[in-house]
Amino acid sequence: MKKKAVLLAVCAAFAILVTVLPTPGEAAVRERVIRLHVVANSDGEEDQALKLAVRDALTGEVASMLEGVSTKEEAEKVLSDRLDGILACAEKAAGDVPVTVTLGKERYPTKEYGAFRFPRGVYTSVQVKLGAAEGKNWWCVLFPPLCVGAASAGPEEVCVEAGLTPGQVKILTGSDGKYRVRFRVLEWLDALFGG
């Protein structure tokens, strides 16, 4: 019984250590990405449908704004300069529901977008809140343009064109295997401890 307790303690310590040690390259990935976060007024069916309508309007609008932009810094400047246009687009799609739009830093959980798995952490983000913003939300990646249609190039090529290194793309795709395991451990611990 004592051996089991020691083994369990060692496993728990290892799992906690894995979650707090930085994975090489994660911070660089977060520094090269801009995310979009749309938060619905409530979980009601109408509010959730409205969230998706706002999402659709914004992804099209932002895609045209960021056309030809090749760096995160350029993308952030364009978005900052055109925040009023993003707000106007969201307000038009939202109708009578109040909308707030901000550009800043926001904490995200680990999230999958197709073949990509973005590590949790703080990202530059355009956040759109609808009404009371108490409903389920929707996330995507504005830059590189993974949620706004990556033109004719594949997602990996879009990421490389946006300045991510092949190693950083491997972090996102988990193509070497070790990052997916780490993210699974983080998700398990989040579920276990409610973090």
C-alpha atoms as a PDB file:
ATOM      1  CA  MET A   1       0.000   0.000   0.000  1.00  0.00           C
ATOM      2  CA  LYS A   2       2.842   2.369   0.875  1.00  0.00           C
ATOM      3  CA  LYS A   3       4.507   1.745  -2.526  1.00  0.00           C
ATOM      4  CA  LYS A   4       1.257   2.619  -4.310  1.00  0.00           C
ATOM      5  CA  ALA A   5       0.981   5.884  -2.383  1.00  0.00           C
ATOM      6  CA  VAL A   6       4.582   6.810  -3.221  1.00  0.00           C
ATOM      7  CA  LEU A   7       4.067   5.900  -6.890  1.00  0.00           C
ATOM      8  CA  LEU A   8       0.863   7.937  -7.015  1.00  0.00           C
ATOM      9  CA  ALA A   9       2.610  10.915  -5.418  1.00  0.00           C
ATOM     10  CA  VAL A  10       5.508  10.686  -7.889  1.00  0.00           C
ATOM     11  CA  CYS A  11       3.073  10.474 -10.836  1.00  0.00           C
ATOM     12  CA  ALA A  12       1.092  13.459  -9.549  1.00  0.00           C
ATOM     13  CA  ALA A  13       4.276  15.494  -9.048  1.00  0.00           C
ATOM     14  CA  PHE A  14       5.427  14.605 -12.559  1.00  0.00           C
ATOM     15  CA  ALA A  15       2.063  15.589 -14.060  1.00  0.00           C
ATOM     16  CA  ILE A  16       2.109  18.928 -12.240  1.00  0.00           C
ATOM     17  CA  LEU A  17       5.727  19.546 -13.243  1.00  0.00           C
ATOM     18  CA  VAL A  18       4.932  18.843 -16.893  1.00  0.00           C
ATOM     19  CA  THR A  19       2.190  21.479 -16.811  1.00  0.00           C
ATOM     20  CA  VAL A  20       4.322  24.241 -15.322  1.00  0.00           C
ATOM     21  CA  LEU A  21       7.494  23.702 -17.322  1.00  0.00           C
ATOM     22  CA  PRO A  22       7.421  25.685 -20.545  1.00  0.00           C
ATOM     23  CA  THR A  23       7.468  23.690 -23.743  1.00  0.00           C
ATOM     24  CA  PRO A  24      10.134  25.133 -26.032  1.00  0.00           C
ATOM     25  CA  GLY A  25       8.528  27.312 -28.688  1.00  0.00           C
ATOM     26  CA  GLU A  26       5.072  27.773 -27.133  1.00  0.00           C
ATOM     27  CA  ALA A  27       5.720  31.381 -26.115  1.00  0.00           C
ATOM     28  CA  ALA A  28       6.988  32.192 -29.606  1.00  0.00           C
ATOM     29  CA  VAL A  29       3.820  30.693 -31.095  1.00  0.00           C
ATOM     30  CA  ARG A  30       1.621  32.813 -28.818  1.00  0.00           C
ATOM     31  CA  GLU A  31       3.601  35.922 -29.779  1.00  0.00           C
ATOM     32  CA  ARG A  32       2.933  35.374 -33.505  1.00  0.00           C
ATOM     33  CA  VAL A  33      -0.813  34.719 -33.338  1.00  0.00           C
ATOM     34  CA  ILE A  34      -3.916  36.911 -33.050  1.00  0.00           C
ATOM     35  CA  ARG A  35      -7.129  35.219 -31.972  1.00  0.00           C
ATOM     36  CA  LEU A  36     -10.814  36.130 -32.312  1.00  0.00           C
ATOM     37  CA  HIS A  37     -13.207  35.518 -29.425  1.00  0.00           C
ATOM     38  CA  VAL A  38     -16.960  36.045 -29.823  1.00  0.00           C
ATOM     39  CA  VAL A  39     -18.999  35.674 -26.631  1.00  0.00           C
ATOM     40  CA  ALA A  40     -22.774  35.204 -26.902  1.00  0.00           C
ATOM     41  CA  ASN A  41     -25.252  37.102 -24.761  1.00  0.00           C
ATOM     42  CA  SER A  42     -26.571  33.820 -23.298  1.00  0.00           C
ATOM     43  CA  ASP A  43     -26.816  30.107 -24.056  1.00  0.00           C
ATOM     44  CA  GLY A  44     -30.305  30.588 -25.483  1.00  0.00           C
ATOM     45  CA  GLU A  45     -30.881  29.322 -29.011  1.00  0.00           C
ATOM     46  CA  GLU A  46     -31.434  32.804 -30.479  1.00  0.00           C
ATOM     47  CA  ASP A  47     -28.347  34.254 -28.775  1.00  0.00           C
ATOM     48  CA  GLN A  48     -26.192  31.375 -29.959  1.00  0.00           C
ATOM     49  CA  ALA A  49     -27.466  31.808 -33.523  1.00  0.00           C
ATOM     50  CA  LEU A  50     -26.739  35.535 -33.288  1.00  0.00           C
ATOM     51  CA  LYS A  51     -23.198  34.766 -32.112  1.00  0.00           C
ATOM     52  CA  LEU A  52     -22.648  32.699 -35.255  1.00  0.00           C
ATOM     53  CA  ALA A  53     -24.101  35.430 -37.467  1.00  0.00           C
ATOM     54  CA  VAL A  54     -21.717  37.967 -35.912  1.00  0.00           C
ATOM     55  CA  ARG A  55     -18.862  35.496 -36.352  1.00  0.00           C
ATOM     56  CA  ASP A  56     -19.669  35.055 -40.042  1.00  0.00           C
ATOM     57  CA  ALA A  57     -19.848  38.802 -40.625  1.00  0.00           C
ATOM     58  CA  LEU A  58     -16.604  39.450 -38.762  1.00  0.00           C
ATOM     59  CA  THR A  59     -14.519  36.711 -40.352  1.00  0.00           C
ATOM     60  CA  GLY A  60     -15.378  38.042 -43.811  1.00  0.00           C
ATOM     61  CA  GLU A  61     -14.720  41.657 -42.791  1.00  0.00           C
ATOM     62  CA  VAL A  62     -11.420  40.877 -41.082  1.00  0.00           C
ATOM     63  CA  ALA A  63     -10.262  38.678 -43.975  1.00  0.00           C
ATOM     64  CA  SER A  64     -10.470  41.662 -46.298  1.00  0.00           C
ATOM     65  CA  MET A  65      -8.764  43.934 -43.746  1.00  0.00           C
ATOM     66  CA  LEU A  66      -5.820  41.564 -43.351  1.00  0.00           C
ATOM     67  CA  GLU A  67      -5.403  40.722 -47.027  1.00  0.00           C
ATOM     68  CA  GLY A  68      -1.723  41.037 -47.932  1.00  0.00           C
ATOM     69  CA  VAL A  69      -0.608  41.388 -44.284  1.00  0.00           C
ATOM     70  CA  SER A  70       2.421  39.211 -43.614  1.00  0.00           C
ATOM     71  CA  THR A  71       3.403  39.812 -39.974  1.00  0.00           C
ATOM     72  CA  LYS A  72       1.617  39.764 -36.644  1.00  0.00           C
ATOM     73  CA  GLU A  73       2.760  43.327 -35.980  1.00  0.00           C
ATOM     74  CA  GLU A  74       1.189  44.544 -39.225  1.00  0.00           C
ATOM     75  CA  ALA A  75      -2.001  42.603 -38.478  1.00  0.00           C
ATOM     76  CA  GLU A  76      -2.235  44.063 -34.970  1.00  0.00           C
ATOM     77  CA  LYS A  77      -1.764  47.603 -36.322  1.00  0.00           C
ATOM     78  CA  VAL A  78      -4.440  47.087 -39.002  1.00  0.00           C
ATOM     79  CA  LEU A  79      -6.879  45.677 -36.453  1.00  0.00           C
ATOM     80  CA  SER A  80      -6.139  48.466 -33.982  1.00  0.00           C
ATOM     81  CA  ASP A  81      -6.605  51.148 -36.642  1.00  0.00           C
ATOM     82  CA  ARG A  82      -9.858  49.557 -37.830  1.00  0.00           C
ATOM     83  CA  LEU A  83     -11.403  48.592 -34.502  1.00  0.00           C
ATOM     84  CA  ASP A  84     -14.300  50.995 -35.162  1.00  0.00           C
ATOM     85  CA  GLY A  85     -14.996  49.206 -38.447  1.00  0.00           C
ATOM     86  CA  ILE A  86     -14.947  45.840 -36.682  1.00  0.00           C
ATOM     87  CA  LEU A  87     -17.384  47.220 -34.096  1.00  0.00           C
ATOM     88  CA  ALA A  88     -19.674  48.612 -36.812  1.00  0.00           C
ATOM     89  CA  CYS A  89     -19.679  45.260 -38.622  1.00  0.00           C
ATOM     90  CA  ALA A  90     -20.500  43.385 -35.403  1.00  0.00           C
ATOM     91  CA  GLU A  91     -23.226  45.885 -34.469  1.00  0.00           C
ATOM     92  CA  LYS A  92     -24.839  45.563 -37.884  1.00  0.00           C
ATOM     93  CA  ALA A  93     -24.924  41.771 -37.571  1.00  0.00           C
ATOM     94  CA  ALA A  94     -26.097  41.918 -33.919  1.00  0.00           C
ATOM     95  CA  GLY A  95     -29.080  44.186 -34.559  1.00  0.00           C
ATOM     96  CA  ASP A  96     -30.435  45.538 -31.264  1.00  0.00           C
ATOM     97  CA  VAL A  97     -28.030  43.584 -29.048  1.00  0.00           C
ATOM     98  CA  PRO A  98     -25.268  45.791 -27.554  1.00  0.00           C
ATOM     99  CA  VAL A  99     -21.748  44.941 -28.711  1.00  0.00           C
ATOM    100  CA  THR A 100     -18.304  45.712 -27.291  1.00  0.00           C
ATOM    101  CA  VAL A 101     -15.086  45.058 -29.194  1.00  0.00           C
ATOM    102  CA  THR A 102     -11.611  45.181 -27.675  1.00  0.00           C
ATOM    103  CA  LEU A 103      -8.095  44.369 -28.847  1.00  0.00           C
ATOM    104  CA  GLY A 104      -5.827  43.194 -26.072  1.00  0.00           C
ATOM    105  CA  LYS A 105      -4.385  40.218 -24.251  1.00  0.00           C
ATOM    106  CA  GLU A 106      -6.636  37.343 -23.259  1.00  0.00           C
ATOM    107  CA  ARG A 107      -6.123  33.912 -21.707  1.00  0.00           C
ATOM    108  CA  TYR A 108      -7.187  30.947 -23.855  1.00  0.00           C
ATOM    109  CA  PRO A 109      -7.433  27.233 -23.095  1.00  0.00           C
ATOM    110  CA  THR A 110      -5.810  24.654 -25.350  1.00  0.00           C
ATOM    111  CA  LYS A 111      -7.926  24.675 -28.503  1.00  0.00           C
ATOM    112  CA  GLU A 112      -8.019  22.618 -31.690  1.00  0.00           C
ATOM    113  CA  TYR A 113      -8.672  24.078 -35.130  1.00  0.00           C
ATOM    114  CA  GLY A 114      -8.609  21.247 -37.641  1.00  0.00           C
ATOM    115  CA  ALA A 115      -5.078  19.842 -37.710  1.00  0.00           C
ATOM    116  CA  PHE A 116      -3.785  22.557 -35.354  1.00  0.00           C
ATOM    117  CA  ARG A 117      -3.777  22.492 -31.574  1.00  0.00           C
ATOM    118  CA  PHE A 118      -2.965  25.853 -30.008  1.00  0.00           C
ATOM    119  CA  PRO A 119      -1.465  25.705 -26.505  1.00  0.00           C
ATOM    120  CA  ARG A 120      -3.222  27.452 -23.666  1.00  0.00           C
ATOM    121  CA  GLY A 121      -1.895  30.797 -22.591  1.00  0.00           C
ATOM    122  CA  VAL A 122      -2.205  34.523 -23.164  1.00  0.00           C
ATOM    123  CA  TYR A 123      -2.689  35.662 -26.762  1.00  0.00           C
ATOM    124  CA  THR A 124      -3.335  38.960 -28.481  1.00  0.00           C
ATOM    125  CA  SER A 125      -7.042  38.847 -29.140  1.00  0.00           C
ATOM    126  CA  VAL A 126      -9.960  40.682 -30.693  1.00  0.00           C
ATOM    127  CA  GLN A 127     -12.764  40.055 -28.217  1.00  0.00           C
ATOM    128  CA  VAL A 128     -16.380  40.669 -29.202  1.00  0.00           C
ATOM    129  CA  LYS A 129     -18.946  40.598 -26.405  1.00  0.00           C
ATOM    130  CA  LEU A 130     -22.632  40.444 -27.263  1.00  0.00           C
ATOM    131  CA  GLY A 131     -25.058  41.815 -24.653  1.00  0.00           C
ATOM    132  CA  ALA A 132     -24.316  40.434 -21.190  1.00  0.00           C
ATOM    133  CA  ALA A 133     -21.655  38.102 -22.670  1.00  0.00           C
ATOM    134  CA  GLU A 134     -22.737  35.219 -20.434  1.00  0.00           C
ATOM    135  CA  GLY A 135     -23.188  32.568 -23.132  1.00  0.00           C
ATOM    136  CA  LYS A 136     -21.001  30.002 -24.825  1.00  0.00           C
ATOM    137  CA  ASN A 137     -18.267  31.506 -26.924  1.00  0.00           C
ATOM    138  CA  TRP A 138     -16.522  30.884 -30.215  1.00  0.00           C
ATOM    139  CA  TRP A 139     -12.768  31.122 -30.909  1.00  0.00           C
ATOM    140  CA  CYS A 140     -10.603  31.113 -33.983  1.00  0.00           C
ATOM    141  CA  VAL A 141      -7.251  32.372 -35.246  1.00  0.00           C
ATOM    142  CA  LEU A 142      -7.341  35.653 -37.183  1.00  0.00           C
ATOM    143  CA  PHE A 143      -3.631  35.781 -37.878  1.00  0.00           C
ATOM    144  CA  PRO A 144      -2.344  33.673 -39.493  1.00  0.00           C
ATOM    145  CA  PRO A 145      -5.729  33.501 -41.222  1.00  0.00           C
ATOM    146  CA  LEU A 146      -6.888  30.065 -40.094  1.00  0.00           C
ATOM    147  CA  CYS A 147     -10.521  30.984 -39.454  1.00  0.00           C
ATOM    148  CA  VAL A 148     -10.983  33.389 -42.327  1.00  0.00           C
ATOM    149  CA  GLY A 149     -10.047  31.160 -45.248  1.00  0.00           C
ATOM    150  CA  ALA A 150      -6.406  30.585 -45.963  1.00  0.00           C
ATOM    151  CA  ALA A 151      -6.709  31.317 -49.697  1.00  0.00           C
ATOM    152  CA  SER A 152      -5.287  28.543 -51.832  1.00  0.00           C
ATOM    153  CA  ALA A 153      -2.418  27.600 -49.537  1.00  0.00           C
ATOM    154  CA  GLY A 154      -2.709  24.886 -46.917  1.00  0.00           C
ATOM    155  CA  PRO A 155      -2.779  25.875 -43.223  1.00  0.00           C
ATOM    156  CA  GLU A 156       0.859  24.887 -42.630  1.00  0.00           C
ATOM    157  CA  GLU A 157       1.990  27.101 -45.529  1.00  0.00           C
ATOM    158  CA  VAL A 158      -0.152  29.981 -44.242  1.00  0.00           C
ATOM    159  CA  CYS A 159       1.541  29.692 -40.842  1.00  0.00           C
ATOM    160  CA  VAL A 160       5.032  29.659 -42.355  1.00  0.00           C
ATOM    161  CA  GLU A 161       4.159  32.646 -44.580  1.00  0.00           C
ATOM    162  CA  ALA A 162       2.987  34.460 -41.427  1.00  0.00           C
ATOM    163  CA  GLY A 163       6.395  34.015 -39.816  1.00  0.00           C
ATOM    164  CA  LEU A 164       6.033  30.821 -37.799  1.00  0.00           C
ATOM    165  CA  THR A 165       8.995  28.511 -38.114  1.00  0.00           C
ATOM    166  CA  PRO A 166       8.585  24.871 -39.191  1.00  0.00           C
ATOM    167  CA  GLY A 167       9.344  23.918 -35.576  1.00  0.00           C
ATOM    168  CA  GLN A 168       6.537  26.154 -34.317  1.00  0.00           C
ATOM    169  CA  VAL A 169       4.164  24.616 -36.871  1.00  0.00           C
ATOM    170  CA  LYS A 170       5.139  21.199 -35.454  1.00  0.00           C
ATOM    171  CA  ILE A 171       4.116  22.458 -32.007  1.00  0.00           C
ATOM    172  CA  LEU A 172       0.716  23.376 -33.425  1.00  0.00           C
ATOM    173  CA  THR A 173       0.209  20.169 -35.376  1.00  0.00           C
ATOM    174  CA  GLY A 174       1.757  17.830 -32.813  1.00  0.00           C
ATOM    175  CA  SER A 175       3.474  16.063 -35.698  1.00  0.00           C
ATOM    176  CA  ASP A 176       6.296  14.886 -33.468  1.00  0.00           C
ATOM    177  CA  GLY A 177       3.850  13.524 -30.867  1.00  0.00           C
ATOM    178  CA  LYS A 178       5.261  14.922 -27.638  1.00  0.00           C
ATOM    179  CA  TYR A 179       3.233  18.149 -27.588  1.00  0.00           C
ATOM    180  CA  ARG A 180      -0.127  16.403 -27.945  1.00  0.00           C
ATOM    181  CA  VAL A 181       0.687  14.338 -24.852  1.00  0.00           C
ATOM    182  CA  ARG A 182       1.545  17.462 -22.874  1.00  0.00           C
ATOM    183  CA  PHE A 183      -1.684  19.182 -23.920  1.00  0.00           C
ATOM    184  CA  ARG A 184      -3.696  16.095 -22.941  1.00  0.00           C
ATOM    185  CA  VAL A 185      -2.071  16.161 -19.472  1.00  0.00           C
ATOM    186  CA  LEU A 186      -2.977  19.855 -19.137  1.00  0.00           C
ATOM    187  CA  GLU A 187      -6.583  19.164 -20.152  1.00  0.00           C
ATOM    188  CA  TRP A 188      -6.802  16.255 -17.710  1.00  0.00           C
ATOM    189  CA  LEU A 189      -5.481  18.402 -14.840  1.00  0.00           C
ATOM    190  CA  ASP A 190      -7.808  21.278 -15.781  1.00  0.00           C
ATOM    191  CA  ALA A 191     -10.757  18.882 -15.664  1.00  0.00           C
ATOM    192  CA  LEU A 192      -9.565  17.339 -12.405  1.00  0.00           C
ATOM    193  CA  PHE A 193      -8.904  20.584 -10.531  1.00  0.00           C
ATOM    194  CA  GLY A 194     -11.361  22.862 -12.355  1.00  0.00           C
ATOM    195  CA  GLY A 195      -8.587  25.188 -13.559  1.00  0.00           C
END
